[in-house]
Amino acid sequence: MEGTRRRRGLFTAVAVAVGGGLLLAHPWVPGLPGHVMSLVETFLPWLGLAVPVGLIVAAVRRSVVAALVCVVVGAVWLGVFREALGSPETSRAYDLTVVQHNVSDENTSPSRVARILLGPDPDVVALQELTPTSLPAFRVVLAPTHPHHATVGTVGLWSKYPLTDVERVDLKPAEVAPGWERGMRAVVRSPHGPVTTYVAHLPSVRIRATQGYATAWRDESAVRLGRALAADRSAAVLVLGDLNGTVDDRGLDPVLSQVRGDRSAFAFSWPASLPLARIDHVLARGDAEVGGTWTLPGTGSDHLPVAARVRR
């Protein structure tokens, strides 16, 4: 009986240790069939749940080894996510407030959504999943405070300041039918200097029995966005969008090699009913820097709106 108890304690210790190893070494773990590592990286913070579960098992099995491993992995988790454990850095000096939101093409209350998005008094609002039915309502509610706006396909940008150089950004995967328009670029002429702003909506990902974690279209679209960013020589660049992946997901590496976000809070944005991951992003580079990110109240979409402070 004692030997069995030790073996069970050892199994718990190994399982928790594997989770701790992934927290530290996930970028160097080779890609596995079915894009398993992308799925793990999407929910990376939740690997920490192995610690309390492991401690309970260690207590039941009276395994000192398992308990010690749990303590070490808990310390690793705290070290990896220490920046996100405090409040978002919204009190630091900033020049712009931006809001990013996938409004859902099934949302039946676009006017209400727009009023919620105006809550933090944003300078710029980026939206995805706009439809011909919802677009007029957004225009009406946002126009008094954000008279400058542009749309391309199902994405749009509203601004307090003039927009220039508006153009389509081709993010369409090769296998997707023509007419799929989810990317745009515009220059926001802010009082603090021009900010080249991309609005993007990358394809959704799904778990499928035959493909595992199906990310191929999302990954291809991320490559296209990464190339556009690499070719852009603007001094200040923002990327606002539903990228259908987190900043730890290797599938977004082509984008995240060009811009970076803020880790001062988890700000999980999806799913809205029980947020588990931040897949809606405000990213920046050059003379633009994201200084604090947080979520706004639910709007009826399956995403929560994400707001951020930006220094220019």
C-alpha atoms as a PDB file:
ATOM      1  CA  MET A   1       0.000   0.000   0.000  1.00  0.00           C
ATOM      2  CA  GLU A   2       2.804   2.408   0.892  1.00  0.00           C
ATOM      3  CA  GLY A   3       4.558   1.689  -2.398  1.00  0.00           C
ATOM      4  CA  THR A   4       1.375   2.349  -4.348  1.00  0.00           C
ATOM      5  CA  ARG A   5       0.913   5.635  -2.485  1.00  0.00           C
ATOM      6  CA  ARG A   6       4.415   6.729  -3.411  1.00  0.00           C
ATOM      7  CA  ARG A   7       3.923   5.772  -7.034  1.00  0.00           C
ATOM      8  CA  ARG A   8       0.716   7.791  -7.159  1.00  0.00           C
ATOM      9  CA  GLY A   9       2.469  10.702  -5.570  1.00  0.00           C
ATOM     10  CA  LEU A  10       5.216  10.366  -8.147  1.00  0.00           C
ATOM     11  CA  PHE A  11       2.702  10.401 -11.004  1.00  0.00           C
ATOM     12  CA  THR A  12       1.167  13.593  -9.620  1.00  0.00           C
ATOM     13  CA  ALA A  13       4.601  15.168  -9.266  1.00  0.00           C
ATOM     14  CA  VAL A  14       5.512  14.315 -12.861  1.00  0.00           C
ATOM     15  CA  ALA A  15       2.202  15.612 -14.233  1.00  0.00           C
ATOM     16  CA  VAL A  16       2.545  18.937 -12.403  1.00  0.00           C
ATOM     17  CA  ALA A  17       6.217  19.188 -13.403  1.00  0.00           C
ATOM     18  CA  VAL A  18       5.278  18.753 -17.077  1.00  0.00           C
ATOM     19  CA  GLY A  19       2.854  21.667 -16.741  1.00  0.00           C
ATOM     20  CA  GLY A  20       5.573  23.781 -15.147  1.00  0.00           C
ATOM     21  CA  GLY A  21       7.977  22.839 -17.909  1.00  0.00           C
ATOM     22  CA  LEU A  22       5.490  23.947 -20.548  1.00  0.00           C
ATOM     23  CA  LEU A  23       5.088  27.303 -18.815  1.00  0.00           C
ATOM     24  CA  LEU A  24       8.788  27.973 -19.287  1.00  0.00           C
ATOM     25  CA  ALA A  25       9.722  26.041 -22.406  1.00  0.00           C
ATOM     26  CA  HIS A  26       6.622  26.052 -24.622  1.00  0.00           C
ATOM     27  CA  PRO A  27       8.221  28.240 -27.325  1.00  0.00           C
ATOM     28  CA  TRP A  28      10.892  25.593 -27.858  1.00  0.00           C
ATOM     29  CA  VAL A  29       8.605  22.563 -27.903  1.00  0.00           C
ATOM     30  CA  PRO A  30       8.403  21.331 -31.519  1.00  0.00           C
ATOM     31  CA  GLY A  31       5.102  21.529 -33.320  1.00  0.00           C
ATOM     32  CA  LEU A  32       2.968  18.457 -32.725  1.00  0.00           C
ATOM     33  CA  PRO A  33       0.291  16.891 -34.941  1.00  0.00           C
ATOM     34  CA  GLY A  34      -3.027  18.692 -34.806  1.00  0.00           C
ATOM     35  CA  HIS A  35      -1.389  21.975 -33.688  1.00  0.00           C
ATOM     36  CA  VAL A  36      -1.561  20.771 -30.105  1.00  0.00           C
ATOM     37  CA  MET A  37       0.964  23.323 -28.891  1.00  0.00           C
ATOM     38  CA  SER A  38      -1.086  26.220 -30.264  1.00  0.00           C
ATOM     39  CA  LEU A  39      -4.010  24.938 -28.233  1.00  0.00           C
ATOM     40  CA  VAL A  40      -1.865  24.624 -25.100  1.00  0.00           C
ATOM     41  CA  GLU A  41      -0.453  28.119 -25.611  1.00  0.00           C
ATOM     42  CA  THR A  42      -3.934  29.580 -26.055  1.00  0.00           C
ATOM     43  CA  PHE A  43      -4.808  28.575 -22.500  1.00  0.00           C
ATOM     44  CA  LEU A  44      -1.298  28.760 -21.053  1.00  0.00           C
ATOM     45  CA  PRO A  45      -2.204  30.609 -17.798  1.00  0.00           C
ATOM     46  CA  TRP A  46      -4.665  27.872 -16.933  1.00  0.00           C
ATOM     47  CA  LEU A  47      -1.845  25.329 -16.612  1.00  0.00           C
ATOM     48  CA  GLY A  48      -1.518  26.851 -13.157  1.00  0.00           C
ATOM     49  CA  LEU A  49      -4.647  24.957 -12.096  1.00  0.00           C
ATOM     50  CA  ALA A  50      -2.431  21.877 -11.898  1.00  0.00           C
ATOM     51  CA  VAL A  51      -0.893  23.345  -8.721  1.00  0.00           C
ATOM     52  CA  PRO A  52      -3.978  23.420  -6.428  1.00  0.00           C
ATOM     53  CA  VAL A  53      -5.199  20.108  -7.861  1.00  0.00           C
ATOM     54  CA  GLY A  54      -1.766  18.606  -7.314  1.00  0.00           C
ATOM     55  CA  LEU A  55      -1.629  19.899  -3.754  1.00  0.00           C
ATOM     56  CA  ILE A  56      -4.971  18.288  -2.960  1.00  0.00           C
ATOM     57  CA  VAL A  57      -3.801  14.971  -4.376  1.00  0.00           C
ATOM     58  CA  ALA A  58      -0.478  15.313  -2.539  1.00  0.00           C
ATOM     59  CA  ALA A  59      -2.340  15.858   0.723  1.00  0.00           C
ATOM     60  CA  VAL A  60      -4.600  12.872   0.166  1.00  0.00           C
ATOM     61  CA  ARG A  61      -1.663  10.654  -0.812  1.00  0.00           C
ATOM     62  CA  ARG A  62       0.616  12.211   1.794  1.00  0.00           C
ATOM     63  CA  SER A  63       3.260  12.737  -0.856  1.00  0.00           C
ATOM     64  CA  VAL A  64       5.962  15.198   0.188  1.00  0.00           C
ATOM     65  CA  VAL A  65       7.585  14.985  -3.257  1.00  0.00           C
ATOM     66  CA  ALA A  66       4.363  15.921  -5.057  1.00  0.00           C
ATOM     67  CA  ALA A  67       3.768  18.798  -2.643  1.00  0.00           C
ATOM     68  CA  LEU A  68       7.280  20.170  -3.184  1.00  0.00           C
ATOM     69  CA  VAL A  69       6.899  19.969  -6.963  1.00  0.00           C
ATOM     70  CA  CYS A  70       3.587  21.838  -6.711  1.00  0.00           C
ATOM     71  CA  VAL A  71       5.224  24.598  -4.672  1.00  0.00           C
ATOM     72  CA  VAL A  72       8.039  24.950  -7.231  1.00  0.00           C
ATOM     73  CA  VAL A  73       5.647  25.012 -10.188  1.00  0.00           C
ATOM     74  CA  GLY A  74       3.463  27.530  -8.360  1.00  0.00           C
ATOM     75  CA  ALA A  75       6.513  29.781  -8.007  1.00  0.00           C
ATOM     76  CA  VAL A  76       7.242  29.325 -11.716  1.00  0.00           C
ATOM     77  CA  TRP A  77       3.678  30.321 -12.594  1.00  0.00           C
ATOM     78  CA  LEU A  78       3.907  33.435 -10.421  1.00  0.00           C
ATOM     79  CA  GLY A  79       7.171  34.361 -12.093  1.00  0.00           C
ATOM     80  CA  VAL A  80       5.817  33.905 -15.622  1.00  0.00           C
ATOM     81  CA  PHE A  81       2.597  35.841 -15.025  1.00  0.00           C
ATOM     82  CA  ARG A  82       3.686  38.300 -12.334  1.00  0.00           C
ATOM     83  CA  GLU A  83       2.987  41.313 -14.568  1.00  0.00           C
ATOM     84  CA  ALA A  84      -0.607  40.243 -15.145  1.00  0.00           C
ATOM     85  CA  LEU A  85      -1.446  39.789 -11.463  1.00  0.00           C
ATOM     86  CA  GLY A  86      -1.855  43.490 -10.724  1.00  0.00           C
ATOM     87  CA  SER A  87      -4.301  46.039 -12.018  1.00  0.00           C
ATOM     88  CA  PRO A  88      -3.857  47.241 -15.612  1.00  0.00           C
ATOM     89  CA  GLU A  89      -1.567  50.245 -15.823  1.00  0.00           C
ATOM     90  CA  THR A  90      -4.321  52.642 -16.805  1.00  0.00           C
ATOM     91  CA  SER A  91      -3.075  55.390 -14.506  1.00  0.00           C
ATOM     92  CA  ARG A  92       0.233  55.861 -16.310  1.00  0.00           C
ATOM     93  CA  ALA A  93       0.680  58.738 -18.713  1.00  0.00           C
ATOM     94  CA  TYR A  94      -0.912  58.116 -22.094  1.00  0.00           C
ATOM     95  CA  ASP A  95      -1.862  59.979 -25.251  1.00  0.00           C
ATOM     96  CA  LEU A  96      -4.675  57.894 -26.722  1.00  0.00           C
ATOM     97  CA  THR A  97      -7.386  55.546 -25.526  1.00  0.00           C
ATOM     98  CA  VAL A  98      -8.429  52.879 -28.008  1.00  0.00           C
ATOM     99  CA  VAL A  99     -11.211  50.294 -27.993  1.00  0.00           C
ATOM    100  CA  GLN A 100     -11.200  47.062 -29.961  1.00  0.00           C
ATOM    101  CA  HIS A 101     -14.285  44.847 -30.314  1.00  0.00           C
ATOM    102  CA  ASN A 102     -15.662  41.985 -32.348  1.00  0.00           C
ATOM    103  CA  VAL A 103     -19.292  43.059 -32.197  1.00  0.00           C
ATOM    104  CA  SER A 104     -20.662  39.716 -33.537  1.00  0.00           C
ATOM    105  CA  ASP A 105     -22.594  39.588 -36.776  1.00  0.00           C
ATOM    106  CA  GLU A 106     -25.515  38.144 -34.799  1.00  0.00           C
ATOM    107  CA  ASN A 107     -25.775  41.039 -32.349  1.00  0.00           C
ATOM    108  CA  THR A 108     -29.245  42.574 -32.446  1.00  0.00           C
ATOM    109  CA  SER A 109     -28.491  45.765 -30.478  1.00  0.00           C
ATOM    110  CA  PRO A 110     -25.726  47.663 -32.311  1.00  0.00           C
ATOM    111  CA  SER A 111     -26.780  51.008 -30.826  1.00  0.00           C
ATOM    112  CA  ARG A 112     -26.422  49.631 -27.294  1.00  0.00           C
ATOM    113  CA  VAL A 113     -23.059  48.118 -28.221  1.00  0.00           C
ATOM    114  CA  ALA A 114     -21.819  51.458 -29.511  1.00  0.00           C
ATOM    115  CA  ARG A 115     -22.847  53.257 -26.319  1.00  0.00           C
ATOM    116  CA  ILE A 116     -20.929  50.724 -24.201  1.00  0.00           C
ATOM    117  CA  LEU A 117     -17.841  51.208 -26.351  1.00  0.00           C
ATOM    118  CA  LEU A 118     -17.969  54.957 -25.716  1.00  0.00           C
ATOM    119  CA  GLY A 119     -17.709  54.370 -21.954  1.00  0.00           C
ATOM    120  CA  PRO A 120     -13.945  54.965 -21.590  1.00  0.00           C
ATOM    121  CA  ASP A 121     -14.105  57.995 -23.941  1.00  0.00           C
ATOM    122  CA  PRO A 122     -11.916  56.368 -26.608  1.00  0.00           C
ATOM    123  CA  ASP A 123     -10.075  58.334 -29.253  1.00  0.00           C
ATOM    124  CA  VAL A 124     -10.221  55.397 -31.659  1.00  0.00           C
ATOM    125  CA  VAL A 125     -12.696  52.508 -31.976  1.00  0.00           C
ATOM    126  CA  ALA A 126     -11.982  49.438 -34.113  1.00  0.00           C
ATOM    127  CA  LEU A 127     -14.775  46.973 -34.913  1.00  0.00           C
ATOM    128  CA  GLN A 128     -15.056  43.581 -36.574  1.00  0.00           C
ATOM    129  CA  GLU A 129     -18.031  41.564 -37.879  1.00  0.00           C
ATOM    130  CA  LEU A 130     -19.858  44.628 -39.098  1.00  0.00           C
ATOM    131  CA  THR A 131     -22.873  43.857 -41.275  1.00  0.00           C
ATOM    132  CA  PRO A 132     -24.924  45.969 -43.687  1.00  0.00           C
ATOM    133  CA  THR A 133     -27.699  45.863 -41.078  1.00  0.00           C
ATOM    134  CA  SER A 134     -25.638  46.952 -38.070  1.00  0.00           C
ATOM    135  CA  LEU A 135     -23.353  49.475 -39.753  1.00  0.00           C
ATOM    136  CA  PRO A 136     -25.899  52.350 -39.968  1.00  0.00           C
ATOM    137  CA  ALA A 137     -26.579  52.130 -36.219  1.00  0.00           C
ATOM    138  CA  PHE A 138     -22.881  52.299 -35.381  1.00  0.00           C
ATOM    139  CA  ARG A 139     -22.501  55.307 -37.649  1.00  0.00           C
ATOM    140  CA  VAL A 140     -25.365  57.147 -35.975  1.00  0.00           C
ATOM    141  CA  VAL A 141     -24.211  56.566 -32.382  1.00  0.00           C
ATOM    142  CA  LEU A 142     -20.487  57.060 -32.964  1.00  0.00           C
ATOM    143  CA  ALA A 143     -20.631  59.989 -35.399  1.00  0.00           C
ATOM    144  CA  PRO A 144     -21.122  62.808 -32.830  1.00  0.00           C
ATOM    145  CA  THR A 145     -17.865  61.985 -31.027  1.00  0.00           C
ATOM    146  CA  HIS A 146     -16.029  60.113 -33.780  1.00  0.00           C
ATOM    147  CA  PRO A 147     -16.831  61.884 -37.046  1.00  0.00           C
ATOM    148  CA  HIS A 148     -13.985  60.277 -38.980  1.00  0.00           C
ATOM    149  CA  HIS A 149     -14.548  56.689 -39.997  1.00  0.00           C
ATOM    150  CA  ALA A 150     -13.739  54.138 -42.666  1.00  0.00           C
ATOM    151  CA  THR A 151     -14.798  50.557 -43.352  1.00  0.00           C
ATOM    152  CA  VAL A 152     -13.442  47.755 -45.505  1.00  0.00           C
ATOM    153  CA  GLY A 153     -15.603  44.674 -45.760  1.00  0.00           C
ATOM    154  CA  THR A 154     -16.607  43.666 -42.238  1.00  0.00           C
ATOM    155  CA  VAL A 155     -14.031  45.766 -40.339  1.00  0.00           C
ATOM    156  CA  GLY A 156     -14.195  49.438 -39.476  1.00  0.00           C
ATOM    157  CA  LEU A 157     -12.386  52.261 -37.728  1.00  0.00           C
ATOM    158  CA  TRP A 158     -13.905  55.318 -36.009  1.00  0.00           C
ATOM    159  CA  SER A 159     -11.742  58.199 -34.821  1.00  0.00           C
ATOM    160  CA  LYS A 160     -11.960  61.594 -33.163  1.00  0.00           C
ATOM    161  CA  TYR A 161      -9.171  62.657 -35.491  1.00  0.00           C
ATOM    162  CA  PRO A 162      -8.889  62.665 -39.290  1.00  0.00           C
ATOM    163  CA  LEU A 163      -8.144  59.427 -41.101  1.00  0.00           C
ATOM    164  CA  THR A 164      -5.986  59.405 -44.210  1.00  0.00           C
ATOM    165  CA  ASP A 165      -4.421  56.831 -46.529  1.00  0.00           C
ATOM    166  CA  VAL A 166      -7.219  54.327 -45.971  1.00  0.00           C
ATOM    167  CA  GLU A 167      -6.611  51.081 -47.809  1.00  0.00           C
ATOM    168  CA  ARG A 168      -7.531  47.421 -47.867  1.00  0.00           C
ATOM    169  CA  VAL A 169      -5.110  44.891 -46.419  1.00  0.00           C
ATOM    170  CA  ASP A 170      -5.334  41.473 -48.032  1.00  0.00           C
ATOM    171  CA  LEU A 171      -5.566  38.875 -45.263  1.00  0.00           C
ATOM    172  CA  LYS A 172      -7.592  36.297 -47.222  1.00  0.00           C
ATOM    173  CA  PRO A 173      -6.303  32.712 -47.082  1.00  0.00           C
ATOM    174  CA  ALA A 174      -5.885  31.182 -50.531  1.00  0.00           C
ATOM    175  CA  GLU A 175      -8.701  28.664 -50.091  1.00  0.00           C
ATOM    176  CA  VAL A 176     -11.276  31.250 -49.020  1.00  0.00           C
ATOM    177  CA  ALA A 177     -13.711  32.470 -51.658  1.00  0.00           C
ATOM    178  CA  PRO A 178     -13.382  36.006 -53.059  1.00  0.00           C
ATOM    179  CA  GLY A 179     -15.213  38.761 -51.184  1.00  0.00           C
ATOM    180  CA  TRP A 180     -13.640  37.930 -47.824  1.00  0.00           C
ATOM    181  CA  GLU A 181     -12.479  41.358 -46.608  1.00  0.00           C
ATOM    182  CA  ARG A 182     -11.233  41.569 -43.025  1.00  0.00           C
ATOM    183  CA  GLY A 183      -8.231  43.858 -43.086  1.00  0.00           C
ATOM    184  CA  MET A 184      -7.672  47.590 -43.416  1.00  0.00           C
ATOM    185  CA  ARG A 185      -4.981  50.198 -42.825  1.00  0.00           C
ATOM    186  CA  ALA A 186      -5.464  53.901 -42.079  1.00  0.00           C
ATOM    187  CA  VAL A 187      -3.404  56.721 -40.629  1.00  0.00           C
ATOM    188  CA  VAL A 188      -4.925  58.400 -37.575  1.00  0.00           C
ATOM    189  CA  ARG A 189      -3.818  62.044 -37.572  1.00  0.00           C
ATOM    190  CA  SER A 190      -3.722  62.464 -33.801  1.00  0.00           C
ATOM    191  CA  PRO A 191      -2.526  65.662 -32.064  1.00  0.00           C
ATOM    192  CA  HIS A 192       0.451  63.656 -30.817  1.00  0.00           C
ATOM    193  CA  GLY A 193       1.523  62.619 -34.294  1.00  0.00           C
ATOM    194  CA  PRO A 194       0.303  60.215 -36.978  1.00  0.00           C
ATOM    195  CA  VAL A 195      -0.412  56.622 -35.981  1.00  0.00           C
ATOM    196  CA  THR A 196      -0.666  54.022 -38.726  1.00  0.00           C
ATOM    197  CA  THR A 197      -3.487  51.753 -37.592  1.00  0.00           C
ATOM    198  CA  TYR A 198      -4.355  48.284 -38.822  1.00  0.00           C
ATOM    199  CA  VAL A 199      -7.740  46.722 -38.133  1.00  0.00           C
ATOM    200  CA  ALA A 200      -7.718  42.959 -38.590  1.00  0.00           C
ATOM    201  CA  HIS A 201      -9.967  39.971 -38.091  1.00  0.00           C
ATOM    202  CA  LEU A 202      -8.143  36.688 -38.610  1.00  0.00           C
ATOM    203  CA  PRO A 203     -10.057  33.458 -39.335  1.00  0.00           C
ATOM    204  CA  SER A 204     -11.569  31.481 -36.506  1.00  0.00           C
ATOM    205  CA  VAL A 205      -9.997  28.297 -35.177  1.00  0.00           C
ATOM    206  CA  ARG A 206     -11.854  25.100 -34.357  1.00  0.00           C
ATOM    207  CA  ILE A 207     -11.205  21.739 -32.743  1.00  0.00           C
ATOM    208  CA  ARG A 208     -12.047  19.077 -35.323  1.00  0.00           C
ATOM    209  CA  ALA A 209     -11.933  15.295 -35.026  1.00  0.00           C
ATOM    210  CA  THR A 210      -9.963  14.904 -38.258  1.00  0.00           C
ATOM    211  CA  GLN A 211      -7.639  17.913 -37.965  1.00  0.00           C
ATOM    212  CA  GLY A 212      -7.154  18.488 -34.255  1.00  0.00           C
ATOM    213  CA  TYR A 213      -6.820  22.192 -33.541  1.00  0.00           C
ATOM    214  CA  ALA A 214      -7.580  23.574 -37.000  1.00  0.00           C
ATOM    215  CA  THR A 215      -5.558  26.781 -37.317  1.00  0.00           C
ATOM    216  CA  ALA A 216      -4.369  26.647 -40.942  1.00  0.00           C
ATOM    217  CA  TRP A 217      -6.435  29.568 -42.232  1.00  0.00           C
ATOM    218  CA  ARG A 218      -5.721  31.667 -39.147  1.00  0.00           C
ATOM    219  CA  ASP A 219      -1.996  30.983 -39.458  1.00  0.00           C
ATOM    220  CA  GLU A 220      -1.959  31.825 -43.167  1.00  0.00           C
ATOM    221  CA  SER A 221      -3.799  35.068 -42.506  1.00  0.00           C
ATOM    222  CA  ALA A 222      -1.319  35.901 -39.725  1.00  0.00           C
ATOM    223  CA  VAL A 223       1.535  35.468 -42.201  1.00  0.00           C
ATOM    224  CA  ARG A 224      -0.136  37.935 -44.562  1.00  0.00           C
ATOM    225  CA  LEU A 225      -0.631  40.485 -41.780  1.00  0.00           C
ATOM    226  CA  GLY A 226       2.956  40.001 -40.631  1.00  0.00           C
ATOM    227  CA  ARG A 227       4.236  40.707 -44.136  1.00  0.00           C
ATOM    228  CA  ALA A 228       2.171  43.879 -44.375  1.00  0.00           C
ATOM    229  CA  LEU A 229       3.553  45.071 -41.049  1.00  0.00           C
ATOM    230  CA  ALA A 230       7.121  44.207 -42.021  1.00  0.00           C
ATOM    231  CA  ALA A 231       6.785  46.276 -45.189  1.00  0.00           C
ATOM    232  CA  ASP A 232       5.332  49.277 -43.333  1.00  0.00           C
ATOM    233  CA  ARG A 233       7.929  51.927 -42.479  1.00  0.00           C
ATOM    234  CA  SER A 234       5.649  54.143 -40.377  1.00  0.00           C
ATOM    235  CA  ALA A 235       7.147  55.559 -37.190  1.00  0.00           C
ATOM    236  CA  ALA A 236       4.156  54.547 -35.036  1.00  0.00           C
ATOM    237  CA  VAL A 237       2.041  51.471 -35.744  1.00  0.00           C
ATOM    238  CA  LEU A 238      -1.035  50.045 -34.013  1.00  0.00           C
ATOM    239  CA  VAL A 239      -2.746  46.738 -34.671  1.00  0.00           C
ATOM    240  CA  LEU A 240      -6.318  46.451 -33.390  1.00  0.00           C
ATOM    241  CA  GLY A 241      -8.162  43.243 -33.965  1.00  0.00           C
ATOM    242  CA  ASP A 242      -9.641  39.886 -33.237  1.00  0.00           C
ATOM    243  CA  LEU A 243      -6.641  37.705 -34.039  1.00  0.00           C
ATOM    244  CA  ASN A 244      -8.215  34.473 -32.806  1.00  0.00           C
ATOM    245  CA  GLY A 245      -5.123  33.640 -30.800  1.00  0.00           C
ATOM    246  CA  THR A 246      -3.227  34.800 -27.729  1.00  0.00           C
ATOM    247  CA  VAL A 247       0.165  36.446 -27.508  1.00  0.00           C
ATOM    248  CA  ASP A 248       1.609  33.066 -26.484  1.00  0.00           C
ATOM    249  CA  ASP A 249       0.191  31.203 -29.496  1.00  0.00           C
ATOM    250  CA  ARG A 250       2.983  30.394 -31.956  1.00  0.00           C
ATOM    251  CA  GLY A 251       0.548  30.706 -34.846  1.00  0.00           C
ATOM    252  CA  LEU A 252       0.634  34.492 -34.356  1.00  0.00           C
ATOM    253  CA  ASP A 253       4.445  34.695 -34.405  1.00  0.00           C
ATOM    254  CA  PRO A 254       4.496  36.433 -37.832  1.00  0.00           C
ATOM    255  CA  VAL A 255       2.474  39.284 -36.288  1.00  0.00           C
ATOM    256  CA  LEU A 256       4.069  39.293 -32.841  1.00  0.00           C
ATOM    257  CA  SER A 257       7.538  39.518 -34.365  1.00  0.00           C
ATOM    258  CA  GLN A 258       6.462  42.950 -35.629  1.00  0.00           C
ATOM    259  CA  VAL A 259       4.351  44.368 -32.791  1.00  0.00           C
ATOM    260  CA  ARG A 260       3.842  43.734 -29.110  1.00  0.00           C
ATOM    261  CA  GLY A 261       1.117  44.224 -26.547  1.00  0.00           C
ATOM    262  CA  ASP A 262       0.672  44.788 -22.856  1.00  0.00           C
ATOM    263  CA  ARG A 263       0.922  42.079 -20.203  1.00  0.00           C
ATOM    264  CA  SER A 264      -0.006  44.178 -17.172  1.00  0.00           C
ATOM    265  CA  ALA A 265      -3.349  42.340 -16.927  1.00  0.00           C
ATOM    266  CA  PHE A 266      -4.858  39.145 -18.287  1.00  0.00           C
ATOM    267  CA  ALA A 267      -7.865  40.998 -19.765  1.00  0.00           C
ATOM    268  CA  PHE A 268      -9.405  37.783 -21.069  1.00  0.00           C
ATOM    269  CA  SER A 269     -11.877  38.665 -23.818  1.00  0.00           C
ATOM    270  CA  TRP A 270     -13.307  35.328 -24.985  1.00  0.00           C
ATOM    271  CA  PRO A 271     -15.749  33.746 -24.537  1.00  0.00           C
ATOM    272  CA  ALA A 272     -17.721  36.609 -23.032  1.00  0.00           C
ATOM    273  CA  SER A 273     -19.786  34.335 -20.791  1.00  0.00           C
ATOM    274  CA  LEU A 274     -16.664  32.835 -19.158  1.00  0.00           C
ATOM    275  CA  PRO A 275     -13.531  34.613 -20.411  1.00  0.00           C
ATOM    276  CA  LEU A 276     -10.604  32.206 -20.709  1.00  0.00           C
ATOM    277  CA  ALA A 277      -8.255  33.867 -23.195  1.00  0.00           C
ATOM    278  CA  ARG A 278      -7.427  37.247 -24.668  1.00  0.00           C
ATOM    279  CA  ILE A 279      -7.783  36.832 -28.411  1.00  0.00           C
ATOM    280  CA  ASP A 280      -8.720  40.489 -29.031  1.00  0.00           C
ATOM    281  CA  HIS A 281      -5.665  42.692 -29.096  1.00  0.00           C
ATOM    282  CA  VAL A 282      -4.163  46.154 -29.078  1.00  0.00           C
ATOM    283  CA  LEU A 283      -0.569  45.825 -30.277  1.00  0.00           C
ATOM    284  CA  ALA A 284       1.992  48.472 -31.151  1.00  0.00           C
ATOM    285  CA  ARG A 285       5.528  49.225 -32.218  1.00  0.00           C
ATOM    286  CA  GLY A 286       7.884  52.117 -32.849  1.00  0.00           C
ATOM    287  CA  ASP A 287       6.768  55.415 -31.365  1.00  0.00           C
ATOM    288  CA  ALA A 288       3.505  53.835 -30.189  1.00  0.00           C
ATOM    289  CA  GLU A 289       3.420  51.765 -27.004  1.00  0.00           C
ATOM    290  CA  VAL A 290       0.531  50.053 -25.237  1.00  0.00           C
ATOM    291  CA  GLY A 291       0.567  51.030 -21.575  1.00  0.00           C
ATOM    292  CA  GLY A 292      -2.502  49.295 -20.102  1.00  0.00           C
ATOM    293  CA  THR A 293      -5.249  46.935 -21.292  1.00  0.00           C
ATOM    294  CA  TRP A 294      -8.589  46.020 -19.741  1.00  0.00           C
ATOM    295  CA  THR A 295     -12.005  44.726 -20.755  1.00  0.00           C
ATOM    296  CA  LEU A 296     -15.340  46.536 -20.904  1.00  0.00           C
ATOM    297  CA  PRO A 297     -18.783  45.170 -19.951  1.00  0.00           C
ATOM    298  CA  GLY A 298     -20.406  42.584 -22.185  1.00  0.00           C
ATOM    299  CA  THR A 299     -22.307  43.768 -25.235  1.00  0.00           C
ATOM    300  CA  GLY A 300     -24.185  40.650 -26.283  1.00  0.00           C
ATOM    301  CA  SER A 301     -21.275  39.540 -28.443  1.00  0.00           C
ATOM    302  CA  ASP A 302     -19.340  36.363 -27.702  1.00  0.00           C
ATOM    303  CA  HIS A 303     -16.310  38.636 -27.204  1.00  0.00           C
ATOM    304  CA  LEU A 304     -15.760  41.281 -24.552  1.00  0.00           C
ATOM    305  CA  PRO A 305     -14.548  44.684 -25.767  1.00  0.00           C
ATOM    306  CA  VAL A 306     -10.902  45.421 -25.028  1.00  0.00           C
ATOM    307  CA  ALA A 307      -9.701  48.941 -24.170  1.00  0.00           C
ATOM    308  CA  ALA A 308      -6.125  50.147 -23.927  1.00  0.00           C
ATOM    309  CA  ARG A 309      -4.037  53.222 -23.236  1.00  0.00           C
ATOM    310  CA  VAL A 310      -1.473  54.097 -25.876  1.00  0.00           C
ATOM    311  CA  ARG A 311       1.528  56.379 -25.614  1.00  0.00           C
ATOM    312  CA  ARG A 312       2.597  58.098 -28.830  1.00  0.00           C
END
